[in-house]
Amino acid sequence: MTKPPISQAVGVTPDEVARLGNLFSSKDLRSVQTKLTATATELRNLANGRHRGGGLVANLAALLTPDQCQLLLDASRLVDSVGQSVTHAKEKRVRTEKDTKRRQDARDALAKQLVARTFPLPTETHDELLETIKAALILNRARQFHTSYNPSEFNFYIRNELKTPDRLYGVSAEQHRVGNVRSLRYFMISDLTSHLGYDDGSSVEERLRLLQEKVAEAVGVAVLTADERETLRLWQEALGPAANRQEGQA
């Protein structure tokens, strides 16, 4: 069996590069490709310097023996051989990333539709604002929203949103609180959309079904805990008389 030339990196195949670069992006592979190309070019420039006129590289090349110049050319071919495999692996990674992005974009679009349909959560009236707070409390207790807070901590956080800051910058205290609830809704919708869109191998619809099961389990224990009911009562009082239309909580 003929031994491959030393200038051919037979062990560095595109598949091996892809395996070794599994945790790296196409951008990372492109950077390696660029460095290898530049290295091979510099080796060739030094090897052929004596044939390319004056300059420091030419003067350095003139000090090398023909065998040494040939060694530099062989090294440049070896680097080129590695670079070709990196290039093929990079092109494959680019295609994979594009496919992944298309799939994720489709999941995100569907997740956005399902969240809008399942959790519309309007915040125009006081009753709707209270329903948004209630939904946030339940989703947190079901460990589907703001999970960095346990239910007691999250309930305390929601109560803290009632506080009036030292400066209101041209809005009333009630308008400030309404803004806090609308911000809460924004983050809730964003978190739910990201949660449903996350690709763990299951469908977006399946992730929604599991989320709804978790919520049903939490509500099955208690629609609202005593502390949560008190928090909702405080918000009802703070938002004004219109909130009195809110239905009694279980």
Protein backbone atom coordinates (compact mmCIF):
# COMPACT_ATOMS: atom_id res chain seq x y z
CA MET A 1 0.00 0.00 0.00
CA THR A 2 1.46 3.32 -1.10
CA LYS A 3 2.23 5.63 1.76
CA PRO A 4 0.54 9.02 1.32
CA PRO A 5 2.85 12.02 0.93
CA ILE A 6 3.77 13.85 4.14
CA SER A 7 2.18 17.02 2.72
CA GLN A 8 -1.27 15.39 2.73
CA ALA A 9 -3.13 15.44 6.06
CA VAL A 10 -5.02 12.19 5.47
CA GLY A 11 -6.13 11.98 9.10
CA VAL A 12 -7.69 15.44 9.07
CA THR A 13 -10.95 14.72 7.27
CA PRO A 14 -13.98 17.04 7.15
CA ASP A 15 -15.83 14.60 9.42
CA GLU A 16 -13.01 14.67 11.98
CA VAL A 17 -12.89 18.45 11.87
CA ALA A 18 -16.67 18.55 12.36
CA ARG A 19 -16.39 16.17 15.32
CA LEU A 20 -13.60 18.15 16.98
CA GLY A 21 -15.39 21.43 16.25
CA ASN A 22 -18.78 20.22 17.41
CA LEU A 23 -19.05 22.96 20.02
CA PHE A 24 -17.84 25.69 17.67
CA SER A 25 -19.81 27.76 15.17
CA SER A 26 -19.22 28.24 11.45
CA LYS A 27 -17.77 31.65 12.37
CA ASP A 28 -15.15 29.93 14.54
CA LEU A 29 -14.32 27.48 11.74
CA ARG A 30 -14.06 30.35 9.25
CA SER A 31 -11.56 32.05 11.55
CA VAL A 32 -9.41 28.89 11.64
CA GLN A 33 -9.70 28.58 7.86
CA THR A 34 -8.49 32.16 7.40
CA LYS A 35 -5.50 31.61 9.70
CA LEU A 36 -4.51 28.40 7.89
CA THR A 37 -4.76 30.10 4.50
CA ALA A 38 -2.59 32.97 5.71
CA THR A 39 -0.03 30.54 7.19
CA ALA A 40 0.21 28.54 3.96
CA THR A 41 0.62 31.75 1.97
CA GLU A 42 3.46 32.98 4.19
CA LEU A 43 5.24 29.62 3.92
CA ARG A 44 5.03 29.74 0.12
CA ASN A 45 6.22 33.34 0.06
CA LEU A 46 9.28 32.41 2.08
CA ALA A 47 9.99 29.29 0.01
CA ASN A 48 9.72 31.19 -3.29
CA GLY A 49 11.18 34.46 -2.02
CA ARG A 50 14.40 34.23 -3.99
CA HIS A 51 12.37 34.19 -7.23
CA ARG A 52 10.28 37.23 -6.36
CA GLY A 53 12.74 40.12 -6.42
CA GLY A 54 13.96 42.13 -3.43
CA GLY A 55 12.62 42.64 0.03
CA LEU A 56 13.30 41.10 3.39
CA VAL A 57 11.50 37.83 2.61
CA ALA A 58 13.54 37.42 -0.56
CA ASN A 59 16.75 38.09 1.33
CA LEU A 60 15.79 35.54 3.97
CA ALA A 61 14.87 32.96 1.32
CA ALA A 62 18.27 33.42 -0.29
CA LEU A 63 19.83 32.09 2.91
CA LEU A 64 17.86 28.82 2.67
CA THR A 65 19.01 25.71 0.85
CA PRO A 66 16.85 24.23 -1.93
CA ASP A 67 15.93 21.36 0.40
CA GLN A 68 14.80 23.82 3.04
CA CYS A 69 12.69 25.71 0.50
CA GLN A 70 11.14 22.42 -0.58
CA LEU A 71 10.41 21.63 3.06
CA LEU A 72 8.59 24.96 3.36
CA LEU A 73 6.56 24.19 0.22
CA ASP A 74 5.66 20.75 1.60
CA ALA A 75 4.61 22.40 4.86
CA SER A 76 2.42 24.89 2.96
CA ARG A 77 0.74 22.00 1.13
CA LEU A 78 0.17 20.23 4.44
CA VAL A 79 -1.42 23.36 5.89
CA ASP A 80 -3.52 23.72 2.72
CA SER A 81 -4.64 20.10 3.10
CA VAL A 82 -5.80 20.78 6.67
CA GLY A 83 -7.43 24.01 5.50
CA GLN A 84 -9.44 22.23 2.81
CA SER A 85 -10.97 19.90 5.40
CA VAL A 86 -11.74 22.86 7.65
CA THR A 87 -13.39 24.61 4.69
CA HIS A 88 -15.60 21.59 3.92
CA ALA A 89 -16.55 21.25 7.60
CA LYS A 90 -17.33 24.97 7.80
CA GLU A 91 -19.59 24.80 4.73
CA LYS A 92 -21.45 21.86 6.25
CA ARG A 93 -21.80 23.74 9.54
CA VAL A 94 -23.19 26.79 7.69
CA ARG A 95 -25.89 24.61 6.11
CA THR A 96 -26.69 23.03 9.48
CA GLU A 97 -26.93 26.41 11.17
CA LYS A 98 -29.25 27.71 8.46
CA ASP A 99 -31.49 24.65 8.82
CA THR A 100 -31.49 25.06 12.61
CA LYS A 101 -32.38 28.73 12.33
CA ARG A 102 -35.25 28.03 9.92
CA ARG A 103 -36.60 25.37 12.26
CA GLN A 104 -36.24 27.63 15.31
CA ASP A 105 -37.87 30.56 13.52
CA ALA A 106 -40.85 28.35 12.69
CA ARG A 107 -41.09 27.15 16.31
CA ASP A 108 -40.88 30.72 17.61
CA ALA A 109 -43.63 31.88 15.24
CA LEU A 110 -45.92 29.04 16.30
CA ALA A 111 -45.10 29.61 19.99
CA LYS A 112 -46.03 33.27 19.62
CA GLN A 113 -49.38 32.33 18.04
CA LEU A 114 -50.19 29.75 20.72
CA VAL A 115 -49.30 32.11 23.57
CA ALA A 116 -51.43 34.89 22.05
CA ARG A 117 -54.34 32.46 21.75
CA THR A 118 -53.93 30.77 25.16
CA PHE A 119 -52.74 33.71 27.26
CA PRO A 120 -54.17 36.88 25.67
CA LEU A 121 -54.03 38.74 29.01
CA PRO A 122 -55.38 42.16 27.99
CA THR A 123 -54.57 44.98 30.41
CA GLU A 124 -57.02 47.73 29.51
CA THR A 125 -59.38 47.52 32.49
CA HIS A 126 -58.69 47.13 36.19
CA ASP A 127 -60.27 43.67 36.13
CA GLU A 128 -57.91 42.65 33.33
CA LEU A 129 -54.92 43.99 35.26
CA LEU A 130 -55.91 41.90 38.26
CA GLU A 131 -56.31 38.81 36.05
CA THR A 132 -52.80 39.39 34.73
CA ILE A 133 -51.41 39.50 38.26
CA LYS A 134 -53.37 36.36 39.14
CA ALA A 135 -52.02 34.55 36.08
CA ALA A 136 -48.44 35.52 36.99
CA LEU A 137 -48.86 34.21 40.55
CA ILE A 138 -50.30 30.90 39.34
CA LEU A 139 -47.70 30.42 36.60
CA ASN A 140 -44.92 31.04 39.10
CA ARG A 141 -46.41 28.57 41.58
CA ALA A 142 -46.62 26.07 38.70
CA ARG A 143 -42.88 26.78 38.12
CA GLN A 144 -43.51 28.09 34.61
CA PHE A 145 -42.60 31.76 35.13
CA HIS A 146 -39.89 33.64 37.02
CA THR A 147 -38.62 30.37 38.49
CA SER A 148 -35.64 32.14 40.06
CA TYR A 149 -38.20 33.19 42.70
CA ASN A 150 -40.00 30.60 44.78
CA PRO A 151 -43.77 31.28 45.19
CA SER A 152 -43.34 33.15 48.48
CA GLU A 153 -40.56 35.32 47.08
CA PHE A 154 -42.50 36.03 43.90
CA ASN A 155 -45.61 36.96 45.86
CA PHE A 156 -43.49 39.40 47.89
CA TYR A 157 -42.02 40.78 44.65
CA ILE A 158 -45.52 41.41 43.25
CA ARG A 159 -46.52 43.23 46.45
CA ASN A 160 -43.41 45.38 46.21
CA GLU A 161 -44.56 46.55 42.80
CA LEU A 162 -47.32 48.42 44.64
CA LYS A 163 -44.83 50.82 46.21
CA THR A 164 -44.82 54.37 44.95
CA PRO A 165 -41.33 55.60 44.03
CA ASP A 166 -40.00 58.91 45.31
CA ARG A 167 -40.39 60.44 41.85
CA LEU A 168 -43.16 59.59 39.40
CA TYR A 169 -41.94 61.65 36.43
CA GLY A 170 -45.28 63.09 35.40
CA VAL A 171 -47.54 60.08 36.01
CA SER A 172 -49.90 59.31 38.87
CA ALA A 173 -49.28 56.54 41.38
CA GLU A 174 -52.06 54.49 39.76
CA GLN A 175 -50.54 54.97 36.30
CA HIS A 176 -47.20 53.85 37.69
CA ARG A 177 -48.77 50.67 39.07
CA VAL A 178 -50.61 49.99 35.81
CA GLY A 179 -47.28 50.33 34.02
CA ASN A 180 -45.77 47.78 36.42
CA VAL A 181 -48.51 45.26 35.61
CA ARG A 182 -48.11 45.82 31.87
CA SER A 183 -44.37 45.27 32.22
CA LEU A 184 -45.12 42.07 34.13
CA ARG A 185 -47.38 40.97 31.28
CA TYR A 186 -44.66 41.72 28.71
CA PHE A 187 -42.11 39.56 30.52
CA MET A 188 -44.68 36.83 31.12
CA ILE A 189 -45.59 36.63 27.42
CA SER A 190 -41.91 36.73 26.46
CA ASP A 191 -40.98 33.94 28.89
CA LEU A 192 -43.89 31.74 27.84
CA THR A 193 -43.06 32.21 24.16
CA SER A 194 -39.41 31.33 24.75
CA HIS A 195 -40.42 28.33 26.85
CA LEU A 196 -42.73 26.93 24.18
CA GLY A 197 -40.28 27.67 21.37
CA TYR A 198 -37.37 25.88 23.06
CA ASP A 199 -36.40 22.88 20.95
CA ASP A 200 -35.95 19.84 23.19
CA GLY A 201 -37.14 17.42 20.51
CA SER A 202 -40.82 17.74 21.37
CA SER A 203 -43.32 19.83 19.43
CA VAL A 204 -44.39 23.33 20.44
CA GLU A 205 -47.92 22.00 20.99
CA GLU A 206 -46.62 19.27 23.29
CA ARG A 207 -44.69 21.81 25.36
CA LEU A 208 -47.88 23.89 25.67
CA ARG A 209 -49.83 20.81 26.77
CA LEU A 210 -47.25 20.03 29.48
CA LEU A 211 -47.30 23.65 30.65
CA GLN A 212 -51.08 23.58 30.92
CA GLU A 213 -50.86 20.34 32.92
CA LYS A 214 -48.47 22.00 35.38
CA VAL A 215 -50.83 24.96 35.73
CA ALA A 216 -53.81 22.64 36.25
CA GLU A 217 -51.88 20.80 38.99
CA ALA A 218 -51.10 24.09 40.76
CA VAL A 219 -54.70 25.31 40.49
CA GLY A 220 -55.91 21.90 41.66
CA VAL A 221 -54.09 22.45 44.93
CA ALA A 222 -55.39 26.04 45.28
CA VAL A 223 -56.56 28.59 42.77
CA LEU A 224 -54.78 31.14 44.96
CA THR A 225 -53.05 30.70 48.30
CA ALA A 226 -54.03 32.88 51.26
CA ASP A 227 -50.96 35.10 50.70
CA GLU A 228 -51.75 35.41 47.00
CA ARG A 229 -55.36 36.36 47.73
CA GLU A 230 -54.11 39.07 50.07
CA THR A 231 -51.73 40.34 47.40
CA LEU A 232 -54.56 40.49 44.88
CA ARG A 233 -56.76 42.31 47.43
CA LEU A 234 -54.05 44.93 48.00
CA TRP A 235 -53.74 45.44 44.26
CA GLN A 236 -57.51 45.69 43.90
CA GLU A 237 -57.59 48.47 46.48
CA ALA A 238 -54.60 50.25 44.97
CA LEU A 239 -55.99 50.23 41.43
CA GLY A 240 -59.18 51.99 42.46
CA PRO A 241 -62.95 51.45 42.60
CA ALA A 242 -63.13 49.96 39.10
CA ALA A 243 -61.29 46.92 40.36
CA ASN A 244 -64.20 46.07 42.64
CA ARG A 245 -65.81 44.35 39.66
CA GLN A 246 -63.17 41.63 40.04
CA GLU A 247 -64.81 38.31 40.80
CA GLY A 248 -64.13 36.78 44.20
CA GLN A 249 -61.10 34.57 44.35
CA ALA A 250 -61.20 30.96 45.49
